N, C-alpha and C. Protein backbone atom coordinates (compact mmCIF):
# COMPACT_ATOMS: atom_id res chain seq x y z
N MET A 1 28.83 -22.79 38.90
CA MET A 1 27.81 -22.68 38.10
C MET A 1 26.53 -22.41 39.95
N THR A 2 27.72 -22.74 41.42
CA THR A 2 27.14 -22.85 42.48
C THR A 2 26.44 -21.72 43.30
N LYS A 3 28.09 -21.30 42.29
CA LYS A 3 28.55 -19.91 43.34
C LYS A 3 27.57 -18.66 42.91
N LEU A 4 27.36 -19.09 41.50
CA LEU A 4 26.84 -17.36 40.93
C LEU A 4 25.87 -17.85 40.91
N ALA A 5 24.86 -19.31 41.36
CA ALA A 5 23.11 -19.54 42.17
C ALA A 5 23.56 -19.01 43.00
N ASN A 6 24.40 -19.26 44.24
CA ASN A 6 24.01 -18.22 45.31
C ASN A 6 24.42 -16.76 45.61
N ALA A 7 25.00 -16.35 44.20
CA ALA A 7 25.82 -15.32 44.66
C ALA A 7 24.17 -14.73 43.76
N LEU A 8 23.20 -14.47 42.76
CA LEU A 8 21.82 -14.63 42.25
C LEU A 8 21.20 -14.69 43.15
N ASP A 9 21.32 -15.39 44.32
CA ASP A 9 20.22 -16.07 44.88
C ASP A 9 19.17 -16.77 44.32
N VAL A 10 19.19 -17.70 43.53
CA VAL A 10 19.08 -18.81 42.34
C VAL A 10 19.23 -20.14 42.58
N THR A 11 18.40 -20.94 42.30
CA THR A 11 18.82 -22.15 41.50
C THR A 11 19.91 -22.57 40.04
N GLY A 12 20.83 -23.56 40.15
CA GLY A 12 21.57 -23.21 38.99
C GLY A 12 20.40 -24.32 38.46
N ASP A 13 19.06 -24.84 38.79
CA ASP A 13 18.26 -25.24 37.59
C ASP A 13 17.71 -23.52 36.84
N PHE A 14 17.73 -22.63 37.63
CA PHE A 14 16.64 -22.17 37.21
C PHE A 14 18.13 -20.65 36.22
N LEU A 15 19.21 -21.26 36.77
CA LEU A 15 20.89 -20.61 35.54
C LEU A 15 19.91 -21.16 34.23
N MET A 16 19.98 -22.48 34.38
CA MET A 16 20.53 -22.97 33.30
C MET A 16 19.01 -23.24 32.08
N ASP A 17 17.65 -23.52 32.94
CA ASP A 17 16.12 -23.36 32.13
C ASP A 17 15.54 -22.68 32.21
N GLY A 18 16.22 -21.08 33.44
CA GLY A 18 15.18 -20.17 33.47
C GLY A 18 13.88 -20.94 34.55
N SER A 19 12.77 -19.95 34.52
CA SER A 19 11.38 -20.22 35.88
C SER A 19 10.31 -21.54 35.13
N MET A 20 9.88 -22.05 35.92
CA MET A 20 8.86 -23.04 35.70
C MET A 20 8.07 -22.21 34.49
N ASP A 21 7.90 -21.29 34.56
CA ASP A 21 7.09 -20.17 33.24
C ASP A 21 7.92 -20.78 31.81
N ASP A 22 9.02 -20.09 31.78
CA ASP A 22 9.99 -19.81 30.45
C ASP A 22 9.87 -22.14 30.33
N LYS A 23 10.02 -22.26 31.51
CA LYS A 23 10.66 -24.32 30.48
C LYS A 23 9.50 -24.36 30.33
N ALA A 24 7.86 -24.34 29.93
CA ALA A 24 6.50 -24.64 30.05
C ALA A 24 6.23 -23.23 28.45
N GLN A 25 6.61 -22.67 28.65
CA GLN A 25 6.95 -22.06 27.12
C GLN A 25 7.22 -22.90 26.05
N ASN A 26 8.65 -23.05 26.66
CA ASN A 26 8.96 -23.14 25.53
C ASN A 26 9.20 -25.23 25.26
N THR A 27 8.64 -26.27 26.49
CA THR A 27 7.78 -27.16 25.79
C THR A 27 6.75 -27.26 25.46
N ILE A 28 5.51 -26.88 25.76
CA ILE A 28 4.57 -26.91 25.05
C ILE A 28 4.07 -25.36 23.89
N SER A 29 3.72 -26.57 22.82
CA SER A 29 4.27 -25.60 21.73
C SER A 29 2.35 -25.22 21.24
N ASP A 30 1.97 -26.21 22.12
CA ASP A 30 0.37 -25.53 22.01
C ASP A 30 -0.31 -24.58 23.01
N LYS A 31 0.29 -22.92 22.20
CA LYS A 31 -0.59 -21.36 23.28
C LYS A 31 -1.57 -22.14 24.40
N GLU A 32 -2.73 -22.96 23.34
CA GLU A 32 -3.84 -22.41 24.25
C GLU A 32 -3.66 -23.81 25.33
N LEU A 33 -3.87 -24.73 25.21
CA LEU A 33 -3.07 -25.82 25.84
C LEU A 33 -2.53 -24.89 27.27
N LEU A 34 -1.61 -24.48 27.22
CA LEU A 34 -0.47 -23.71 27.66
C LEU A 34 -1.30 -22.81 29.00
N SER A 35 -1.91 -21.77 28.01
CA SER A 35 -2.61 -20.58 28.65
C SER A 35 -3.58 -21.40 29.75
N GLN A 36 -4.05 -22.91 29.01
CA GLN A 36 -5.48 -23.57 30.50
C GLN A 36 -4.32 -24.19 31.30
N PHE A 37 -3.41 -24.60 31.60
CA PHE A 37 -2.99 -25.34 32.26
C PHE A 37 -2.21 -24.07 33.09
N GLN A 38 -1.86 -22.58 33.09
CA GLN A 38 -1.95 -21.65 33.72
C GLN A 38 -2.48 -21.37 34.16
N LYS A 39 -4.11 -21.29 34.04
CA LYS A 39 -5.18 -20.64 34.82
C LYS A 39 -5.22 -22.04 35.39
N VAL A 40 -5.90 -23.55 35.11
CA VAL A 40 -5.70 -24.15 36.04
C VAL A 40 -4.50 -24.05 37.46
N SER A 41 -2.93 -23.63 36.60
CA SER A 41 -2.56 -23.75 38.30
C SER A 41 -3.31 -21.85 39.35
N GLN A 42 -3.52 -21.58 38.74
CA GLN A 42 -4.87 -20.42 39.76
C GLN A 42 -5.67 -21.05 40.78
N LEU A 43 -6.22 -22.08 40.36
CA LEU A 43 -7.27 -22.63 41.28
C LEU A 43 -6.97 -23.69 42.54
N SER A 44 -8.00 -23.91 43.50
CA SER A 44 -7.40 -24.29 44.61
C SER A 44 -7.11 -25.34 44.15
N ASN A 45 -6.32 -26.00 45.08
CA ASN A 45 -5.77 -27.50 45.31
C ASN A 45 -6.97 -28.91 45.43
N ASP A 46 -7.98 -28.31 46.08
CA ASP A 46 -9.14 -29.10 45.88
C ASP A 46 -9.60 -29.29 44.16
N ARG A 47 -9.39 -28.38 43.25
CA ARG A 47 -9.73 -28.38 41.46
C ARG A 47 -9.00 -28.68 40.93
N LYS A 48 -7.70 -28.86 41.09
CA LYS A 48 -6.33 -28.93 40.21
C LYS A 48 -6.43 -30.41 40.79
N MET A 49 -6.71 -30.95 41.44
CA MET A 49 -6.43 -32.77 42.34
C MET A 49 -7.83 -32.46 41.06
N ILE A 50 -8.97 -32.12 40.67
CA ILE A 50 -9.70 -33.04 40.10
C ILE A 50 -9.67 -32.44 38.48
N VAL A 51 -9.05 -31.13 38.27
CA VAL A 51 -8.19 -31.46 36.79
C VAL A 51 -7.33 -32.78 36.95
N LYS A 52 -7.30 -32.46 37.20
CA LYS A 52 -5.53 -33.30 37.50
C LYS A 52 -5.74 -35.18 37.12
N GLU A 53 -7.10 -35.93 38.23
CA GLU A 53 -7.51 -36.92 38.09
C GLU A 53 -8.13 -36.76 36.76
N LEU A 54 -8.78 -35.89 36.46
CA LEU A 54 -9.63 -36.33 34.56
C LEU A 54 -8.54 -36.50 33.38
N ILE A 55 -7.58 -35.14 33.25
CA ILE A 55 -6.50 -35.45 32.56
C ILE A 55 -5.46 -37.25 32.86
N ASP A 56 -5.41 -38.14 34.19
CA ASP A 56 -5.13 -38.93 34.53
C ASP A 56 -5.87 -40.34 32.67
N ALA A 57 -7.21 -39.62 33.39
CA ALA A 57 -8.50 -41.09 33.13
C ALA A 57 -8.21 -40.67 31.63
N PHE A 58 -8.57 -39.67 31.38
CA PHE A 58 -8.12 -39.66 30.01
C PHE A 58 -6.93 -40.77 29.41
N LEU A 59 -5.89 -40.11 30.21
CA LEU A 59 -4.45 -40.69 29.21
C LEU A 59 -4.82 -42.52 29.33
N ILE A 60 -5.27 -42.84 31.05
CA ILE A 60 -5.64 -43.59 30.58
C ILE A 60 -6.63 -44.94 29.64
N LYS A 61 -7.88 -43.96 29.25
CA LYS A 61 -8.13 -44.66 28.56
C LYS A 61 -7.33 -44.35 27.03
N THR A 62 -6.48 -43.44 26.94
CA THR A 62 -6.45 -42.94 25.60
C THR A 62 -4.97 -44.79 25.33
N ASP A 63 -4.67 -44.70 26.10
CA ASP A 63 -3.28 -46.17 26.00
C ASP A 63 -4.04 -47.18 25.54
N LEU A 64 -5.32 -47.50 26.17
CA LEU A 64 -6.14 -48.54 26.76
C LEU A 64 -6.98 -48.78 25.06
N GLN A 65 -7.11 -47.85 24.59
CA GLN A 65 -7.36 -48.09 23.24
C GLN A 65 -6.86 -48.12 22.38
N GLN A 66 -5.04 -47.76 22.19
CA GLN A 66 -4.01 -47.66 21.47
C GLN A 66 -3.56 -48.68 21.93
N LYS A 67 -3.59 -50.27 22.64
CA LYS A 67 -3.39 -51.26 23.06
C LYS A 67 -3.94 -52.34 22.23
N PHE A 68 -5.50 -51.81 22.91
CA PHE A 68 -6.60 -53.21 21.91
C PHE A 68 -6.79 -52.59 20.51
N ALA A 69 -6.34 -51.58 19.79
CA ALA A 69 -6.29 -51.48 18.50
C ALA A 69 -5.14 -51.81 17.65
N GLN A 70 -4.12 -52.38 18.84
CA GLN A 70 -3.11 -53.30 18.04
C GLN A 70 -2.82 -54.48 17.71
């Protein structure tokens, strides 16, 4: 596989999984969420960091709510 990847000038991961967009489309079933992630990837690094921090905060809050609900 390495020889084939080298001949095609791609990585072995690309041969197995396709591009990151292909992988995301196969993994994320919510098309609206996928579209939002694609739009976020076009933002400046500063704005991307803000979105990541918001997602992290939301996930931490959700985890804590689930732990306290038990």
